[in-house]
Structure formats: C-alpha cells, structure tokens
C-alpha cells in the first residue's frame, strides 16, 4: 500500500511524462473491460474468474486469488499511458502483478524466457510470432 507522499510522487512523475493522472474523470473498471473483450486475460489467455476471492472475516475487504480479473494499463501510467479504454485491458491478478509497471514487450519477453504462458494474439501483436494463414 502506498503512502500519500508516494502516491503524490507517482502522480507527479506520471504528469511529467505526459500522462493524465485524473482517473476520477473516467470511471473505468475491469467489469467494463470484461464486457468489451470477454473474460480472458490478454497476457496469458486464461479465463479470469470474478469469484476467485475469499472474504476476510471481520474485515471490509476480500483477498483476491490469482485468476481474479483486474484492469491493466498496457502503457503504464508512470510511462505516460492514459487511463482510457484504449490503454486498458483485462488481466488476471497473477499476470498484472508480474507485469507491474514494465512495458508490455519487456513483460512478454521475460515470460517467454522463464517459460510462462503468453497469449498467441499478444505475440502476434508484438511481432514475436508469425500470424498463421488459413
């Protein structure tokens, strides 16, 4: 969890890189992305499960599991990406956490190097695979 000072610093750095740092203007959620793109994680192509969570006793929050759907910014906000439908995709918590604020191509190359699954559509999009001709 970021402190208020850390959050301000991240937002300031993002603004300096040209990103819009006002996500309140666009209420964008993973539910919007699931409705647009379906329920598959765009990184690993595995299905996301909105029921993959455990309610924590006596606490107002839940602990999310690895396949819980999340909103991922393809170009990280810290690198100048915007909080918009164009820059957002659905990712499972496991993939979104492993990507962090790295550029997408760096994340995919790392996943390939360590043997983690990568969506074939994403490989084609990044030019790391040849599109099959039917």
N, C-alpha and C. Protein backbone atom coordinates (compact mmCIF):
# COMPACT_ATOMS: atom_id res chain seq x y z
N UNK A 1 0.84 -1.18 0.00
CA UNK A 1 0.00 0.00 0.00
C UNK A 1 0.88 1.24 0.00
N UNK A 2 0.60 2.16 -0.90
CA UNK A 2 1.39 3.38 -1.00
C UNK A 2 0.94 4.40 0.04
N UNK A 3 1.91 5.13 0.55
CA UNK A 3 1.58 6.24 1.44
C UNK A 3 1.09 7.41 0.58
N UNK A 4 0.53 8.42 1.21
CA UNK A 4 0.06 9.59 0.47
C UNK A 4 1.21 10.28 -0.26
N UNK A 5 2.36 10.37 0.38
CA UNK A 5 3.52 11.00 -0.26
C UNK A 5 3.99 10.21 -1.47
N UNK A 6 4.01 8.89 -1.37
CA UNK A 6 4.41 8.05 -2.51
C UNK A 6 3.42 8.20 -3.65
N UNK A 7 2.13 8.22 -3.32
CA UNK A 7 1.09 8.37 -4.34
C UNK A 7 1.24 9.71 -5.07
N UNK A 8 1.51 10.77 -4.33
CA UNK A 8 1.70 12.09 -4.94
C UNK A 8 2.92 12.08 -5.87
N UNK A 9 4.00 11.43 -5.42
CA UNK A 9 5.22 11.38 -6.23
C UNK A 9 4.98 10.61 -7.52
N UNK A 10 4.29 9.49 -7.46
CA UNK A 10 3.98 8.69 -8.65
C UNK A 10 3.14 9.51 -9.62
N UNK A 11 2.13 10.21 -9.11
CA UNK A 11 1.27 11.03 -9.96
C UNK A 11 2.05 12.18 -10.59
N UNK A 12 2.94 12.82 -9.81
CA UNK A 12 3.75 13.92 -10.33
C UNK A 12 4.67 13.41 -11.43
N UNK A 13 5.33 12.29 -11.20
CA UNK A 13 6.22 11.73 -12.23
C UNK A 13 5.44 11.36 -13.49
N UNK A 14 4.24 10.82 -13.32
CA UNK A 14 3.41 10.47 -14.47
C UNK A 14 3.02 11.73 -15.25
N UNK A 15 2.65 12.79 -14.53
CA UNK A 15 2.31 14.05 -15.20
C UNK A 15 3.49 14.58 -16.00
N UNK A 16 4.70 14.48 -15.43
CA UNK A 16 5.89 14.96 -16.13
C UNK A 16 6.15 14.17 -17.40
N UNK A 17 5.70 12.91 -17.44
CA UNK A 17 5.84 12.08 -18.65
C UNK A 17 4.68 12.27 -19.61
N UNK A 18 3.72 13.13 -19.26
CA UNK A 18 2.62 13.44 -20.15
C UNK A 18 1.36 12.65 -19.94
N UNK A 19 1.25 11.88 -18.86
CA UNK A 19 0.07 11.07 -18.62
C UNK A 19 -1.02 11.89 -17.94
N UNK A 20 -2.24 11.51 -18.21
CA UNK A 20 -3.36 12.07 -17.47
C UNK A 20 -3.42 11.33 -16.14
N UNK A 21 -3.46 12.06 -15.05
CA UNK A 21 -3.44 11.43 -13.73
C UNK A 21 -4.74 11.65 -12.99
N UNK A 22 -5.81 11.83 -13.73
CA UNK A 22 -7.09 12.08 -13.10
C UNK A 22 -8.05 10.94 -13.46
N UNK A 23 -7.88 9.75 -12.87
CA UNK A 23 -8.74 8.63 -13.22
C UNK A 23 -10.18 8.84 -12.79
N UNK A 24 -10.43 9.81 -11.91
CA UNK A 24 -11.80 10.07 -11.48
C UNK A 24 -12.66 10.58 -12.62
N UNK A 25 -12.04 11.18 -13.64
CA UNK A 25 -12.80 11.69 -14.77
C UNK A 25 -13.39 10.57 -15.62
N UNK A 26 -12.76 9.41 -15.59
CA UNK A 26 -13.22 8.27 -16.38
C UNK A 26 -13.37 7.07 -15.46
N UNK A 27 -14.60 6.81 -15.00
CA UNK A 27 -14.78 5.66 -14.11
C UNK A 27 -14.68 4.36 -14.92
N UNK A 28 -13.48 3.82 -14.99
CA UNK A 28 -13.19 2.64 -15.78
C UNK A 28 -12.91 1.48 -14.85
N UNK A 29 -13.56 0.34 -15.07
CA UNK A 29 -13.38 -0.82 -14.20
C UNK A 29 -13.10 -2.07 -15.03
N UNK A 30 -12.66 -3.12 -14.34
CA UNK A 30 -12.43 -4.39 -15.04
C UNK A 30 -13.73 -4.95 -15.59
N UNK A 31 -14.88 -4.60 -14.98
CA UNK A 31 -16.16 -5.07 -15.50
C UNK A 31 -16.42 -4.51 -16.90
N UNK A 32 -16.03 -3.26 -17.12
CA UNK A 32 -16.17 -2.64 -18.44
C UNK A 32 -15.33 -3.39 -19.47
N UNK A 33 -14.12 -3.76 -19.08
CA UNK A 33 -13.22 -4.45 -19.99
C UNK A 33 -13.69 -5.87 -20.28
N UNK A 34 -14.23 -6.54 -19.27
CA UNK A 34 -14.76 -7.90 -19.47
C UNK A 34 -15.94 -7.86 -20.44
N UNK A 35 -16.78 -6.84 -20.33
CA UNK A 35 -17.92 -6.70 -21.24
C UNK A 35 -17.43 -6.43 -22.67
N UNK A 36 -16.35 -5.69 -22.80
CA UNK A 36 -15.81 -5.34 -24.12
C UNK A 36 -15.03 -6.49 -24.75
N UNK A 37 -14.15 -7.13 -23.97
CA UNK A 37 -13.19 -8.08 -24.52
C UNK A 37 -13.45 -9.54 -24.18
N UNK A 38 -14.40 -9.81 -23.32
CA UNK A 38 -14.58 -11.18 -22.85
C UNK A 38 -13.82 -11.37 -21.55
N UNK A 39 -13.81 -12.58 -21.06
CA UNK A 39 -13.28 -12.85 -19.72
C UNK A 39 -11.86 -13.41 -19.72
N UNK A 40 -11.16 -13.43 -20.85
CA UNK A 40 -9.82 -13.99 -20.90
C UNK A 40 -8.76 -12.91 -20.63
N UNK A 41 -7.75 -13.30 -19.89
CA UNK A 41 -6.60 -12.43 -19.63
C UNK A 41 -5.88 -12.19 -20.95
N UNK A 42 -5.57 -10.95 -21.26
CA UNK A 42 -4.92 -10.67 -22.54
C UNK A 42 -3.45 -11.09 -22.55
N UNK A 43 -2.85 -11.32 -21.39
CA UNK A 43 -1.45 -11.72 -21.34
C UNK A 43 -1.28 -13.23 -21.46
N UNK A 44 -1.98 -14.00 -20.62
CA UNK A 44 -1.79 -15.46 -20.63
C UNK A 44 -2.91 -16.21 -21.36
N UNK A 45 -3.98 -15.51 -21.72
CA UNK A 45 -5.12 -16.08 -22.44
C UNK A 45 -5.91 -17.11 -21.62
N UNK A 46 -5.73 -17.10 -20.31
CA UNK A 46 -6.51 -17.96 -19.41
C UNK A 46 -7.75 -17.20 -18.97
N UNK A 47 -8.84 -17.90 -18.65
CA UNK A 47 -10.05 -17.21 -18.20
C UNK A 47 -9.87 -16.58 -16.82
N UNK A 48 -10.40 -15.38 -16.67
CA UNK A 48 -10.42 -14.70 -15.38
C UNK A 48 -11.68 -15.15 -14.64
N UNK A 49 -11.60 -15.23 -13.34
CA UNK A 49 -12.72 -15.70 -12.52
C UNK A 49 -13.08 -14.65 -11.48
N UNK A 50 -14.22 -13.95 -11.67
CA UNK A 50 -14.61 -12.92 -10.70
C UNK A 50 -14.97 -13.48 -9.34
N UNK A 51 -15.12 -14.80 -9.23
CA UNK A 51 -15.43 -15.42 -7.95
C UNK A 51 -14.18 -15.96 -7.24
N UNK A 52 -13.01 -15.65 -7.77
CA UNK A 52 -11.76 -16.12 -7.16
C UNK A 52 -11.32 -15.13 -6.07
N UNK A 53 -12.01 -15.19 -4.96
CA UNK A 53 -11.65 -14.36 -3.82
C UNK A 53 -12.15 -15.03 -2.55
N UNK A 54 -11.60 -14.60 -1.44
CA UNK A 54 -12.00 -15.09 -0.13
C UNK A 54 -12.36 -13.87 0.71
N UNK A 55 -13.54 -13.87 1.27
CA UNK A 55 -13.94 -12.77 2.15
C UNK A 55 -13.20 -12.94 3.47
N UNK A 56 -12.50 -11.91 3.92
CA UNK A 56 -11.73 -11.96 5.15
C UNK A 56 -12.67 -11.68 6.32
N UNK A 57 -12.68 -12.59 7.29
CA UNK A 57 -13.58 -12.45 8.43
C UNK A 57 -13.30 -11.17 9.20
N UNK A 58 -14.36 -10.45 9.50
CA UNK A 58 -14.26 -9.24 10.31
C UNK A 58 -13.63 -8.06 9.60
N UNK A 59 -13.39 -8.15 8.31
CA UNK A 59 -12.77 -7.04 7.58
C UNK A 59 -13.66 -6.65 6.41
N UNK A 60 -13.63 -5.38 6.03
CA UNK A 60 -14.50 -4.92 4.93
C UNK A 60 -13.93 -5.20 3.54
N UNK A 61 -12.91 -6.03 3.43
CA UNK A 61 -12.33 -6.30 2.13
C UNK A 61 -12.22 -7.80 1.89
N UNK A 62 -11.84 -8.15 0.67
CA UNK A 62 -11.67 -9.56 0.31
C UNK A 62 -10.25 -9.78 -0.20
N UNK A 63 -9.77 -10.99 -0.05
CA UNK A 63 -8.46 -11.37 -0.56
C UNK A 63 -8.65 -12.02 -1.92
N UNK A 64 -8.09 -11.40 -2.95
CA UNK A 64 -8.29 -11.88 -4.32
C UNK A 64 -7.30 -12.98 -4.66
N UNK A 65 -7.77 -13.94 -5.45
CA UNK A 65 -6.95 -15.05 -5.90
C UNK A 65 -6.23 -14.72 -7.20
N UNK A 66 -5.39 -15.62 -7.70
CA UNK A 66 -4.56 -15.35 -8.88
C UNK A 66 -5.33 -15.16 -10.19
N UNK A 67 -6.54 -15.70 -10.28
CA UNK A 67 -7.29 -15.54 -11.54
C UNK A 67 -8.35 -14.45 -11.45
N UNK A 68 -8.34 -13.66 -10.37
CA UNK A 68 -9.31 -12.57 -10.23
C UNK A 68 -9.02 -11.52 -11.31
N UNK A 69 -10.05 -11.00 -11.99
CA UNK A 69 -9.83 -10.03 -13.07
C UNK A 69 -9.41 -8.67 -12.54
N UNK A 70 -8.47 -8.04 -13.26
CA UNK A 70 -8.00 -6.71 -12.91
C UNK A 70 -7.88 -5.87 -14.17
N UNK A 71 -7.81 -4.57 -13.99
CA UNK A 71 -7.60 -3.64 -15.09
C UNK A 71 -6.10 -3.41 -15.20
N UNK A 72 -5.54 -3.61 -16.40
CA UNK A 72 -4.12 -3.36 -16.62
C UNK A 72 -3.97 -2.25 -17.64
N UNK A 73 -3.06 -1.33 -17.37
CA UNK A 73 -2.71 -0.29 -18.33
C UNK A 73 -1.59 -0.83 -19.20
N UNK A 74 -1.85 -0.98 -20.50
CA UNK A 74 -0.87 -1.54 -21.43
C UNK A 74 0.41 -0.70 -21.40
N UNK A 75 0.27 0.60 -21.60
CA UNK A 75 1.38 1.52 -21.39
C UNK A 75 1.18 2.06 -19.97
N UNK A 76 2.10 1.74 -19.06
CA UNK A 76 1.90 2.15 -17.66
C UNK A 76 1.69 3.65 -17.52
N UNK A 77 0.86 4.03 -16.60
CA UNK A 77 0.61 5.45 -16.34
C UNK A 77 1.91 6.15 -16.01
N UNK A 78 2.80 5.47 -15.31
CA UNK A 78 4.08 6.08 -14.95
C UNK A 78 4.96 6.33 -16.16
N UNK A 79 4.66 5.70 -17.30
CA UNK A 79 5.41 5.93 -18.54
C UNK A 79 4.64 6.80 -19.53
N UNK A 80 3.59 7.45 -19.07
CA UNK A 80 2.85 8.36 -19.94
C UNK A 80 1.58 7.79 -20.52
N UNK A 81 1.21 6.57 -20.17
CA UNK A 81 -0.04 5.98 -20.64
C UNK A 81 -1.23 6.62 -19.96
N UNK A 82 -2.35 6.62 -20.63
CA UNK A 82 -3.55 7.23 -20.07
C UNK A 82 -4.47 6.20 -19.43
N UNK A 83 -5.38 6.69 -18.62
CA UNK A 83 -6.39 5.84 -18.00
C UNK A 83 -7.62 5.91 -18.91
N UNK A 84 -7.57 5.10 -20.00
CA UNK A 84 -8.64 5.15 -21.00
C UNK A 84 -8.92 3.75 -21.51
N UNK A 85 -10.04 3.60 -22.21
CA UNK A 85 -10.39 2.31 -22.79
C UNK A 85 -9.36 1.85 -23.81
N UNK A 86 -8.71 2.78 -24.49
CA UNK A 86 -7.71 2.43 -25.49
C UNK A 86 -6.48 1.80 -24.85
N UNK A 87 -6.12 2.25 -23.66
CA UNK A 87 -4.90 1.80 -22.99
C UNK A 87 -5.16 0.75 -21.91
N UNK A 88 -6.39 0.33 -21.72
CA UNK A 88 -6.71 -0.61 -20.65
C UNK A 88 -7.17 -1.95 -21.22
N UNK A 89 -6.73 -3.02 -20.56
CA UNK A 89 -7.16 -4.37 -20.94
C UNK A 89 -7.37 -5.20 -19.69
N UNK A 90 -8.13 -6.29 -19.84
CA UNK A 90 -8.40 -7.19 -18.72
C UNK A 90 -7.23 -8.15 -18.54
N UNK A 91 -6.74 -8.26 -17.31
CA UNK A 91 -5.65 -9.18 -16.99
C UNK A 91 -5.97 -9.86 -15.67
N UNK A 92 -5.55 -11.12 -15.55
CA UNK A 92 -5.72 -11.79 -14.26
C UNK A 92 -4.73 -11.17 -13.27
N UNK A 93 -5.04 -11.29 -12.00
CA UNK A 93 -4.21 -10.69 -10.96
C UNK A 93 -2.77 -11.18 -11.04
N UNK A 94 -2.57 -12.46 -11.32
CA UNK A 94 -1.22 -13.04 -11.41
C UNK A 94 -0.40 -12.33 -12.50
N UNK A 95 -0.98 -12.19 -13.69
CA UNK A 95 -0.26 -11.55 -14.80
C UNK A 95 -0.06 -10.06 -14.56
N UNK A 96 -1.07 -9.39 -14.05
CA UNK A 96 -0.97 -7.96 -13.80
C UNK A 96 0.09 -7.67 -12.76
N UNK A 97 0.17 -8.51 -11.73
CA UNK A 97 1.17 -8.32 -10.70
C UNK A 97 2.57 -8.57 -11.25
N UNK A 98 2.73 -9.59 -12.08
CA UNK A 98 4.06 -9.88 -12.62
C UNK A 98 4.49 -8.81 -13.63
N UNK A 99 3.54 -8.19 -14.34
CA UNK A 99 3.87 -7.13 -15.29
C UNK A 99 4.29 -5.87 -14.55
N UNK A 100 3.59 -5.54 -13.49
CA UNK A 100 3.92 -4.33 -12.74
C UNK A 100 3.80 -3.11 -13.63
N UNK A 101 4.78 -2.21 -13.55
CA UNK A 101 4.75 -1.02 -14.41
C UNK A 101 5.78 -1.13 -15.53
N UNK A 102 6.12 -2.37 -15.90
CA UNK A 102 7.05 -2.59 -17.02
C UNK A 102 6.32 -2.40 -18.35
N UNK A 103 7.05 -2.04 -19.38
CA UNK A 103 6.45 -2.02 -20.72
C UNK A 103 6.01 -3.43 -21.11
N UNK A 104 4.99 -3.54 -21.93
CA UNK A 104 4.41 -4.83 -22.30
C UNK A 104 5.41 -5.75 -22.97
N UNK A 105 6.23 -5.23 -23.89
CA UNK A 105 7.18 -6.10 -24.58
C UNK A 105 8.22 -6.68 -23.62
N UNK A 106 8.64 -5.91 -22.62
CA UNK A 106 9.59 -6.40 -21.63
C UNK A 106 8.95 -7.51 -20.80
N UNK A 107 7.70 -7.31 -20.42
CA UNK A 107 6.97 -8.32 -19.65
C UNK A 107 6.84 -9.62 -20.45
N UNK A 108 6.46 -9.52 -21.71
CA UNK A 108 6.25 -10.71 -22.54
C UNK A 108 7.56 -11.46 -22.77
N UNK A 109 8.63 -10.73 -23.07
CA UNK A 109 9.93 -11.38 -23.27
C UNK A 109 10.39 -12.10 -22.01
N UNK A 110 10.14 -11.50 -20.85
CA UNK A 110 10.50 -12.14 -19.58
C UNK A 110 9.68 -13.41 -19.38
N UNK A 111 8.38 -13.34 -19.66
CA UNK A 111 7.53 -14.51 -19.51
C UNK A 111 7.98 -15.64 -20.43
N UNK A 112 8.36 -15.31 -21.65
CA UNK A 112 8.84 -16.33 -22.58
C UNK A 112 10.15 -16.95 -22.08
N UNK A 113 11.02 -16.11 -21.54
CA UNK A 113 12.32 -16.59 -21.07
C UNK A 113 12.18 -17.56 -19.91
N UNK A 114 11.22 -17.31 -19.01
CA UNK A 114 11.06 -18.19 -17.84
C UNK A 114 10.02 -19.29 -18.05
N UNK A 115 9.42 -19.34 -19.25
CA UNK A 115 8.51 -20.43 -19.58
C UNK A 115 7.08 -20.24 -19.13
N UNK A 116 6.65 -19.00 -18.90
CA UNK A 116 5.26 -18.74 -18.52
C UNK A 116 4.41 -18.58 -19.78
N UNK A 117 3.12 -18.91 -19.70
CA UNK A 117 2.27 -18.82 -20.89
C UNK A 117 2.06 -17.37 -21.35
N UNK A 118 1.99 -17.21 -22.67
CA UNK A 118 1.72 -15.91 -23.28
C UNK A 118 0.69 -16.12 -24.37
N UNK A 119 -0.27 -15.24 -24.44
CA UNK A 119 -1.32 -15.31 -25.46
C UNK A 119 -0.71 -15.24 -26.86
N UNK A 120 -1.17 -16.11 -27.74
CA UNK A 120 -0.65 -16.10 -29.11
C UNK A 120 -1.03 -14.80 -29.83
N UNK A 121 -2.20 -14.26 -29.53
CA UNK A 121 -2.61 -12.99 -30.13
C UNK A 121 -1.67 -11.86 -29.70
N UNK A 122 -1.23 -11.90 -28.46
CA UNK A 122 -0.30 -10.88 -27.95
C UNK A 122 1.07 -11.03 -28.62
N UNK A 123 1.51 -12.25 -28.83
CA UNK A 123 2.78 -12.48 -29.52
C UNK A 123 2.74 -11.92 -30.93
N UNK A 124 1.61 -12.13 -31.62
CA UNK A 124 1.45 -11.60 -32.99
C UNK A 124 1.42 -10.08 -32.94
N UNK A 125 0.69 -9.52 -31.97
CA UNK A 125 0.58 -8.06 -31.84
C UNK A 125 1.94 -7.42 -31.63
N UNK A 126 2.80 -8.06 -30.87
CA UNK A 126 4.13 -7.51 -30.58
C UNK A 126 5.17 -7.91 -31.61
N UNK A 127 4.77 -8.70 -32.62
CA UNK A 127 5.68 -9.10 -33.68
C UNK A 127 6.66 -10.17 -33.24
N UNK A 128 6.30 -10.94 -32.21
CA UNK A 128 7.17 -12.01 -31.72
C UNK A 128 6.77 -13.38 -32.25
N UNK A 129 5.70 -13.43 -33.03
CA UNK A 129 5.25 -14.69 -33.64
C UNK A 129 4.68 -14.37 -35.02
N UNK A 130 4.69 -15.35 -35.87
CA UNK A 130 4.14 -15.18 -37.21
C UNK A 130 2.67 -15.55 -37.18
N UNK A 131 1.85 -14.67 -37.77
CA UNK A 131 0.42 -14.93 -37.82
C UNK A 131 0.15 -16.09 -38.77
N UNK A 132 -0.67 -17.07 -38.30
CA UNK A 132 -1.00 -18.22 -39.13
C UNK A 132 -1.94 -17.80 -40.26
N UNK A 133 -1.67 -18.33 -41.44
CA UNK A 133 -2.51 -18.03 -42.61
C UNK A 133 -3.42 -19.22 -42.83
N UNK A 134 -4.74 -18.95 -42.87
CA UNK A 134 -5.70 -20.05 -43.03
C UNK A 134 -6.06 -20.24 -44.48
